[in-house]
């Protein structure tokens, strides 16, 4: 699909889970949408708030960690260990 999009030549094709273009955010799928939401929370409310949301959700498949989480009470192993 990406080669076909590139052939159109009308825009830039980025191979990222989510992209921010000014006030517009878009993601590549469901879990990428969660990654995008965490990035948006970090921009709007700061890394500490994004860390708390990520910790509460127990979500970490992208490898992105917001703020120090090792040793956080109740943190799942995937969040505490990069």
C-alpha atoms as a PDB file:
ATOM      1  CA  UNK A   1       0.000   0.000   0.000  1.00  0.00           C
ATOM      2  CA  UNK A   2       2.795   2.455   0.834  1.00  0.00           C
ATOM      3  CA  UNK A   3       4.429   2.209  -2.609  1.00  0.00           C
ATOM      4  CA  UNK A   4       1.075   3.023  -4.235  1.00  0.00           C
ATOM      5  CA  UNK A   5       0.600   6.029  -1.954  1.00  0.00           C
ATOM      6  CA  UNK A   6       4.083   7.274  -2.792  1.00  0.00           C
ATOM      7  CA  UNK A   7       3.346   6.944  -6.515  1.00  0.00           C
ATOM      8  CA  UNK A   8       0.466   9.402  -6.164  1.00  0.00           C
ATOM      9  CA  UNK A   9       3.001  12.096  -5.346  1.00  0.00           C
ATOM     10  CA  UNK A  10       0.408  14.386  -3.740  1.00  0.00           C
ATOM     11  CA  UNK A  11       1.802  14.236  -0.240  1.00  0.00           C
ATOM     12  CA  UNK A  12       4.442  12.920   2.086  1.00  0.00           C
ATOM     13  CA  UNK A  13       4.081   9.294   3.211  1.00  0.00           C
ATOM     14  CA  UNK A  14       5.410   8.731   6.732  1.00  0.00           C
ATOM     15  CA  UNK A  15       5.890   5.286   8.236  1.00  0.00           C
ATOM     16  CA  UNK A  16       4.950   6.217  11.796  1.00  0.00           C
ATOM     17  CA  UNK A  17       2.281   4.983  14.198  1.00  0.00           C
ATOM     18  CA  UNK A  18       0.863   8.487  14.522  1.00  0.00           C
ATOM     19  CA  UNK A  19       1.489  11.855  12.917  1.00  0.00           C
ATOM     20  CA  UNK A  20       0.793  15.398  14.049  1.00  0.00           C
ATOM     21  CA  UNK A  21       0.422  18.060  11.377  1.00  0.00           C
ATOM     22  CA  UNK A  22      -0.432  21.320  13.102  1.00  0.00           C
ATOM     23  CA  UNK A  23      -3.799  20.906  14.789  1.00  0.00           C
ATOM     24  CA  UNK A  24      -4.461  17.597  13.019  1.00  0.00           C
ATOM     25  CA  UNK A  25      -3.497  14.231  14.476  1.00  0.00           C
ATOM     26  CA  UNK A  26      -3.929  10.877  12.737  1.00  0.00           C
ATOM     27  CA  UNK A  27      -2.981   7.317  13.582  1.00  0.00           C
ATOM     28  CA  UNK A  28      -2.452   4.040  11.781  1.00  0.00           C
ATOM     29  CA  UNK A  29      -4.843   1.861  13.799  1.00  0.00           C
ATOM     30  CA  UNK A  30      -6.375   1.054  17.176  1.00  0.00           C
ATOM     31  CA  UNK A  31      -3.251   0.644  19.319  1.00  0.00           C
ATOM     32  CA  UNK A  32      -1.549   3.420  17.342  1.00  0.00           C
ATOM     33  CA  UNK A  33      -4.543   5.556  18.312  1.00  0.00           C
ATOM     34  CA  UNK A  34      -3.753   4.914  21.973  1.00  0.00           C
ATOM     35  CA  UNK A  35      -0.138   5.946  21.315  1.00  0.00           C
ATOM     36  CA  UNK A  36      -1.440   9.081  19.607  1.00  0.00           C
ATOM     37  CA  UNK A  37      -3.749   9.845  22.517  1.00  0.00           C
ATOM     38  CA  UNK A  38      -0.868   9.550  24.991  1.00  0.00           C
ATOM     39  CA  UNK A  39       1.262  11.858  22.833  1.00  0.00           C
ATOM     40  CA  UNK A  40      -1.627  14.330  22.680  1.00  0.00           C
ATOM     41  CA  UNK A  41      -2.080  14.177  26.462  1.00  0.00           C
ATOM     42  CA  UNK A  42       1.664  14.832  26.850  1.00  0.00           C
ATOM     43  CA  UNK A  43       1.440  17.906  24.581  1.00  0.00           C
ATOM     44  CA  UNK A  44      -1.712  19.294  26.227  1.00  0.00           C
ATOM     45  CA  UNK A  45      -1.211  18.327  29.885  1.00  0.00           C
ATOM     46  CA  UNK A  46       2.469  17.343  30.182  1.00  0.00           C
ATOM     47  CA  UNK A  47       4.509  14.175  30.397  1.00  0.00           C
ATOM     48  CA  UNK A  48       3.560  13.563  34.032  1.00  0.00           C
ATOM     49  CA  UNK A  49      -0.152  13.421  33.176  1.00  0.00           C
ATOM     50  CA  UNK A  50       0.569  11.187  30.170  1.00  0.00           C
ATOM     51  CA  UNK A  51       2.600   8.946  32.514  1.00  0.00           C
ATOM     52  CA  UNK A  52      -0.345   8.667  34.890  1.00  0.00           C
ATOM     53  CA  UNK A  53      -2.747   7.839  32.047  1.00  0.00           C
ATOM     54  CA  UNK A  54      -0.343   5.266  30.616  1.00  0.00           C
ATOM     55  CA  UNK A  55       0.175   3.746  34.065  1.00  0.00           C
ATOM     56  CA  UNK A  56      -3.576   3.602  34.754  1.00  0.00           C
ATOM     57  CA  UNK A  57      -4.151   1.909  31.402  1.00  0.00           C
ATOM     58  CA  UNK A  58      -1.222  -0.489  31.836  1.00  0.00           C
ATOM     59  CA  UNK A  59      -0.433   0.190  28.198  1.00  0.00           C
ATOM     60  CA  UNK A  60       3.073  -0.006  26.749  1.00  0.00           C
ATOM     61  CA  UNK A  61       3.376  -1.819  23.394  1.00  0.00           C
ATOM     62  CA  UNK A  62       4.967   1.116  21.558  1.00  0.00           C
ATOM     63  CA  UNK A  63       7.945   1.237  23.895  1.00  0.00           C
ATOM     64  CA  UNK A  64       7.210   4.885  24.736  1.00  0.00           C
ATOM     65  CA  UNK A  65       7.373   5.734  28.415  1.00  0.00           C
ATOM     66  CA  UNK A  66       6.215   9.058  29.763  1.00  0.00           C
ATOM     67  CA  UNK A  67       8.250  10.143  32.753  1.00  0.00           C
ATOM     68  CA  UNK A  68       9.806   7.950  35.459  1.00  0.00           C
ATOM     69  CA  UNK A  69       7.600   4.931  36.104  1.00  0.00           C
ATOM     70  CA  UNK A  70       9.940   2.376  37.632  1.00  0.00           C
ATOM     71  CA  UNK A  71       8.809   1.727  41.166  1.00  0.00           C
ATOM     72  CA  UNK A  72       5.411   3.380  40.688  1.00  0.00           C
ATOM     73  CA  UNK A  73       2.837   1.737  42.935  1.00  0.00           C
ATOM     74  CA  UNK A  74       0.872  -0.892  41.052  1.00  0.00           C
ATOM     75  CA  UNK A  75       2.769  -0.407  37.799  1.00  0.00           C
ATOM     76  CA  UNK A  76       2.744  -3.425  35.502  1.00  0.00           C
ATOM     77  CA  UNK A  77       6.191  -4.783  34.578  1.00  0.00           C
ATOM     78  CA  UNK A  78       5.858  -3.644  30.952  1.00  0.00           C
ATOM     79  CA  UNK A  79       5.511  -0.028  32.086  1.00  0.00           C
ATOM     80  CA  UNK A  80       8.332  -0.129  34.629  1.00  0.00           C
ATOM     81  CA  UNK A  81      10.971  -1.757  32.463  1.00  0.00           C
ATOM     82  CA  UNK A  82      12.000  -0.272  29.120  1.00  0.00           C
END
